[in-house]
């Protein structure tokens, strides 16, 4: 197409972030429902998570971050003390 046919608008970061957050919130419950119990059928993933948690503990512990990479189903599996977990980075 010819560039004369396009109208460009400046991107407003506040609206973009709000729209993104709203769209994520819209599907969050159904997404979490789809992943609930997924670790039950993934013995190798559970073993890898257990190994990771053991290595963190052996190195003296410390915080572990689940940085908005799902509905917290992975960290929730390995978060009991002494592992400290923080969920997400969103300011809310």
Protein backbone atom coordinates (compact mmCIF):
# COMPACT_ATOMS: atom_id res chain seq x y z
CA UNK A 1 0.00 0.00 0.00
CA UNK A 2 0.93 3.58 -0.45
CA UNK A 3 2.14 5.35 2.70
CA UNK A 4 -0.45 8.08 2.04
CA UNK A 5 -3.15 5.63 3.11
CA UNK A 6 -1.80 5.14 6.62
CA UNK A 7 -2.42 7.30 9.63
CA UNK A 8 0.10 6.86 12.39
CA UNK A 9 -0.77 7.66 15.97
CA UNK A 10 1.65 8.16 18.80
CA UNK A 11 1.61 5.23 21.17
CA UNK A 12 0.42 6.04 24.65
CA UNK A 13 2.24 3.71 27.04
CA UNK A 14 -0.37 4.13 29.78
CA UNK A 15 -3.19 2.94 27.52
CA UNK A 16 -1.08 0.15 26.05
CA UNK A 17 -0.18 -1.16 29.50
CA UNK A 18 -3.78 -0.92 30.69
CA UNK A 19 -5.04 -2.72 27.57
CA UNK A 20 -2.40 -5.43 27.96
CA UNK A 21 -3.21 -5.92 31.64
CA UNK A 22 -6.94 -6.09 30.89
CA UNK A 23 -6.43 -8.68 28.15
CA UNK A 24 -4.24 -10.82 30.42
CA UNK A 25 -6.75 -10.54 33.26
CA UNK A 26 -9.53 -11.61 30.89
CA UNK A 27 -7.93 -14.99 30.19
CA UNK A 28 -6.10 -15.54 33.50
CA UNK A 29 -8.64 -17.83 35.16
CA UNK A 30 -9.15 -20.08 32.12
CA UNK A 31 -5.38 -20.23 31.55
CA UNK A 32 -4.78 -21.24 35.16
CA UNK A 33 -7.51 -23.88 34.85
CA UNK A 34 -5.82 -25.33 31.76
CA UNK A 35 -2.47 -25.62 33.56
CA UNK A 36 -3.81 -26.88 36.88
CA UNK A 37 -2.37 -30.32 37.48
CA UNK A 38 -0.03 -30.19 34.48
CA UNK A 39 2.92 -31.13 36.70
CA UNK A 40 1.18 -34.34 37.74
CA UNK A 41 1.87 -35.75 34.28
CA UNK A 42 5.38 -34.35 33.96
CA UNK A 43 7.76 -36.37 36.16
CA UNK A 44 10.90 -35.07 34.43
CA UNK A 45 9.84 -31.46 34.94
CA UNK A 46 9.05 -32.15 38.60
CA UNK A 47 12.49 -33.74 39.01
CA UNK A 48 14.18 -30.75 37.35
CA UNK A 49 12.28 -28.37 39.64
CA UNK A 50 13.23 -30.41 42.69
CA UNK A 51 16.88 -30.39 41.62
CA UNK A 52 16.79 -26.62 41.08
CA UNK A 53 15.27 -26.06 44.53
CA UNK A 54 17.87 -28.36 46.10
CA UNK A 55 20.69 -26.45 44.39
CA UNK A 56 19.29 -23.13 45.63
CA UNK A 57 19.08 -24.49 49.18
CA UNK A 58 22.59 -25.98 48.97
CA UNK A 59 23.94 -22.60 47.89
CA UNK A 60 22.50 -20.98 51.00
CA UNK A 61 18.95 -20.33 49.88
CA UNK A 62 17.73 -17.00 48.70
CA UNK A 63 14.84 -15.55 46.83
CA UNK A 64 13.44 -17.27 43.77
CA UNK A 65 11.31 -15.26 41.34
CA UNK A 66 8.52 -16.56 39.15
CA UNK A 67 8.48 -13.55 36.86
CA UNK A 68 5.06 -13.52 35.24
CA UNK A 69 5.61 -16.70 33.29
CA UNK A 70 2.28 -18.30 34.00
CA UNK A 71 -0.25 -18.70 36.78
CA UNK A 72 2.43 -19.59 39.34
CA UNK A 73 1.89 -23.32 38.92
CA UNK A 74 5.63 -24.06 38.76
CA UNK A 75 6.78 -21.96 41.71
CA UNK A 76 3.80 -23.04 43.78
CA UNK A 77 5.05 -26.61 43.35
CA UNK A 78 8.45 -25.82 44.91
CA UNK A 79 7.77 -22.81 47.13
CA UNK A 80 7.47 -24.30 50.63
CA UNK A 81 10.08 -23.16 53.17
CA UNK A 82 12.95 -22.71 53.14
CA UNK A 83 12.49 -21.58 49.51
CA UNK A 84 11.28 -17.99 49.38
CA UNK A 85 9.34 -17.13 46.26
CA UNK A 86 8.07 -13.88 44.87
CA UNK A 87 5.29 -13.96 42.36
CA UNK A 88 5.41 -11.58 39.43
CA UNK A 89 6.74 -8.13 38.91
CA UNK A 90 3.49 -6.24 38.36
CA UNK A 91 3.11 -3.24 40.69
CA UNK A 92 -0.35 -4.26 41.81
